[in-house]
Protein backbone atom coordinates (compact mmCIF):
# COMPACT_ATOMS: atom_id res chain seq x y z
CA MET A 1 7.26 -6.43 -22.81
CA LYS A 2 10.55 -4.95 -21.63
CA GLU A 3 11.59 -3.81 -25.12
CA TYR A 4 8.25 -2.11 -25.81
CA LEU A 5 8.30 -0.13 -22.59
CA ALA A 6 11.99 0.81 -22.83
CA ASN A 7 11.78 2.33 -26.34
CA ASP A 8 12.35 6.10 -26.38
CA LEU A 9 13.06 6.29 -22.64
CA GLU A 10 16.09 4.06 -22.18
CA SER A 11 18.32 7.06 -21.47
CA TYR A 12 16.29 7.88 -18.34
CA PRO A 13 17.62 5.82 -15.39
CA GLU A 14 14.44 6.25 -13.33
CA TRP A 15 12.42 4.76 -16.19
CA MET A 16 14.77 1.80 -16.51
CA ASP A 17 14.44 1.28 -12.73
CA GLY A 18 10.67 1.13 -13.27
CA ILE A 19 11.06 -1.51 -15.98
CA GLU A 20 13.28 -3.58 -13.68
CA SER A 21 10.71 -3.28 -10.88
CA LEU A 22 7.93 -4.45 -13.20
CA VAL A 23 9.99 -7.46 -14.30
CA SER A 24 10.82 -8.24 -10.65
CA LEU A 25 7.15 -8.01 -9.71
CA GLU A 26 6.16 -10.38 -12.49
CA ALA A 27 8.99 -12.75 -11.49
CA ALA A 28 7.76 -12.71 -7.88
CA PHE A 29 4.40 -13.91 -9.21
CA LYS A 30 6.21 -16.46 -11.41
CA PHE A 31 5.06 -14.65 -14.57
CA THR A 32 1.55 -15.95 -13.96
CA ASP A 33 -1.30 -14.06 -15.58
CA PHE A 34 -4.19 -14.24 -13.13
CA LYS A 35 -6.63 -12.97 -15.77
CA LYS A 36 -7.44 -10.02 -13.52
CA ILE A 37 -7.48 -6.43 -14.73
CA LEU A 38 -6.86 -3.18 -12.94
CA PRO A 39 -10.00 -1.21 -12.10
CA THR A 40 -11.61 0.39 -15.14
CA THR A 41 -13.26 3.25 -13.23
CA LYS A 42 -11.79 6.52 -14.54
CA ARG A 43 -9.24 4.56 -16.59
CA PRO A 44 -7.75 6.68 -19.41
CA VAL A 45 -9.58 6.06 -22.70
CA ALA A 46 -6.25 5.26 -24.39
CA VAL A 47 -5.85 2.02 -22.39
CA PRO A 48 -8.79 0.00 -23.79
CA VAL A 49 -8.06 1.35 -27.28
CA TRP A 50 -4.45 0.18 -26.95
CA VAL A 51 -5.56 -3.24 -25.68
CA LYS A 52 -8.14 -3.55 -28.50
CA ASN A 53 -5.36 -2.85 -31.03
CA ALA A 54 -3.27 -5.70 -29.58
CA ARG A 55 -0.99 -3.25 -27.71
CA LYS A 56 0.79 -2.35 -30.95
CA GLU A 57 0.63 1.44 -30.88
CA PRO A 58 3.68 3.01 -29.23
CA CYS A 59 1.53 5.97 -28.14
CA PRO A 60 -2.21 5.77 -28.90
CA LYS A 61 -3.84 8.82 -30.51
CA LYS A 62 -6.38 8.85 -27.67
CA VAL A 63 -3.65 10.00 -25.26
CA GLY A 64 -4.11 13.62 -26.35
CA ASP A 65 -2.02 16.35 -24.74
CA SER A 66 0.29 15.71 -21.77
CA VAL A 67 -1.66 17.81 -19.22
CA THR A 68 -5.02 16.15 -19.87
CA PHE A 69 -3.46 12.70 -19.95
CA ARG A 70 -1.48 13.40 -16.78
CA ASN A 71 -4.71 14.24 -14.96
CA GLU A 72 -6.37 11.05 -16.23
CA VAL A 73 -3.41 8.94 -15.06
CA LEU A 74 -3.30 10.60 -11.63
CA VAL A 75 -7.01 10.01 -11.04
CA TRP A 76 -6.84 6.40 -12.24
CA TRP A 77 -3.75 5.63 -10.14
CA ASN A 78 -5.43 7.09 -7.08
CA ILE A 79 -8.74 5.26 -7.61
CA MET A 80 -7.04 1.87 -7.70
CA GLN A 81 -5.20 2.44 -4.41
CA PRO A 82 -6.23 0.54 -1.31
CA GLU A 83 -8.17 2.64 1.21
CA TRP A 84 -5.06 3.24 3.34
CA ARG A 85 -3.29 4.96 0.41
CA LEU A 86 -6.08 7.01 -1.17
CA LEU A 87 -5.44 10.72 -1.59
CA GLU A 88 -8.07 13.43 -1.49
CA GLN A 89 -8.74 15.07 -4.87
CA GLY A 90 -6.86 18.24 -3.82
CA ASP A 91 -3.73 16.24 -2.95
CA LEU A 92 -3.34 14.55 -6.34
CA GLU A 93 -1.11 17.29 -7.74
CA LYS A 94 1.47 16.62 -5.01
CA GLY A 95 1.16 12.86 -5.49
CA GLU A 96 2.43 11.99 -2.02
CA TRP A 97 0.93 8.57 -1.40
CA VAL A 98 1.80 6.75 1.83
CA LYS A 99 5.01 4.76 1.48
CA GLU A 100 4.37 2.31 4.31
CA VAL A 101 2.39 -0.87 3.83
CA LYS A 102 -0.61 -0.56 6.16
CA GLY A 103 -2.86 -3.28 4.80
CA PRO A 104 -3.63 -5.50 1.82
CA TRP A 105 -3.04 -4.28 -1.72
CA GLY A 106 -6.57 -5.05 -2.91
CA LYS A 107 -7.22 -4.19 -6.56
CA LEU A 108 -3.57 -3.29 -7.17
CA LYS A 109 -2.46 -6.89 -6.64
CA CYS A 110 -2.94 -7.67 -10.28
CA PRO A 111 0.01 -9.35 -12.01
CA GLY A 112 0.03 -10.05 -15.71
CA ILE A 113 -0.41 -8.11 -18.90
CA ASN A 114 -3.61 -6.39 -17.71
CA GLY A 115 -2.08 -5.35 -14.41
CA LEU A 116 0.59 -2.79 -13.60
CA TYR A 117 2.02 -3.27 -17.09
CA SER A 118 -0.91 -1.08 -18.22
CA MET A 119 0.02 1.60 -15.68
CA MET A 120 3.62 1.53 -16.89
CA ALA A 121 2.36 1.92 -20.46
CA CYS A 122 0.40 5.01 -19.35
CA LEU A 123 3.51 6.44 -17.72
CA ARG A 124 5.43 5.81 -20.93
CA TRP A 125 2.82 7.63 -23.03
CA TRP A 126 2.76 10.52 -20.56
CA ALA A 127 6.57 10.75 -20.76
CA VAL A 128 6.61 10.61 -24.56
CA LYS A 129 4.04 13.43 -24.66
CA GLU A 130 5.95 15.58 -22.16
CA ILE A 131 9.22 15.13 -24.02
CA SER A 132 7.63 15.89 -27.40
CA GLU A 133 5.84 18.98 -26.04
CA GLY A 134 8.46 20.42 -23.69
CA GLY A 135 11.68 18.50 -24.16
CA LYS A 136 11.89 17.06 -20.65
CA LEU A 137 10.11 15.04 -17.99
CA SER A 138 8.24 16.84 -15.22
CA GLU A 139 8.93 16.32 -11.54
CA GLN A 140 5.34 15.19 -11.19
CA TRP A 141 5.91 12.39 -13.72
CA LYS A 142 9.02 11.33 -11.79
CA ARG A 143 7.05 11.33 -8.50
CA VAL A 144 4.27 9.17 -9.91
CA LEU A 145 6.75 6.78 -11.50
CA GLY A 146 8.57 6.62 -8.15
CA ASP A 147 5.33 5.73 -6.43
CA VAL A 148 4.46 3.02 -8.96
CA VAL A 149 7.98 1.59 -8.53
CA TRP A 150 7.59 1.66 -4.74
CA VAL A 151 4.27 -0.22 -4.99
CA MET A 152 5.69 -2.84 -7.37
CA ASP A 153 8.77 -3.36 -5.17
CA ALA A 154 6.66 -3.63 -2.00
CA MET A 155 4.29 -6.16 -3.59
CA ALA A 156 7.19 -8.19 -5.03
CA GLU A 157 8.94 -8.27 -1.67
CA ALA A 158 5.76 -9.41 0.10
CA GLU A 159 5.13 -12.10 -2.51
CA GLU A 160 8.68 -13.46 -2.32
CA GLN A 161 8.64 -13.93 1.44
CA PRO A 162 7.54 -17.41 2.49
CA PRO A 163 4.45 -17.52 4.66
CA THR A 164 5.28 -17.71 8.32
CA LYS A 165 4.26 -20.79 10.27
CA LYS A 166 1.77 -20.26 13.01
CA SER A 167 3.27 -21.01 16.34
CA ARG A 168 1.73 -23.97 18.10
CA PRO A 169 1.12 -23.92 21.79
CA SER A 170 3.47 -26.11 23.82
CA ILE A 171 1.97 -29.31 25.10
């Protein structure tokens, strides 16, 4: 997993931070695959094609150009957010999701190969396209990656903390 995602982007420290966050998230869930998948509503077409091809393609042909794929990734990332993090359609370009945990993670709490690993793959494909088309990564890509990293870190931290005991009334 780590080697696949790191290829082509290992010279970008923010990307390597994202890989470390994904590994930490999976470790927090004890590398258990819960057989759940991220929501498929508005999911980029490249994701199921990539899965069908045993996740072998470094950048599926269905990704298309960077602008179209960026828009698909933004919409999909937003759709899978819990209600307390959803952005209005007009705010997607800014990509300023709430960075304070205000409730359960819902559909995003999806460890395993069909979870946030798929989102990281999408970010990798978006980055590869941007670099091949314009030579550098956009600030928008960095913002979305930063948000995905924040989510993974917040979920890992919550998972690692032992449940608190309920206080019992004194007798």
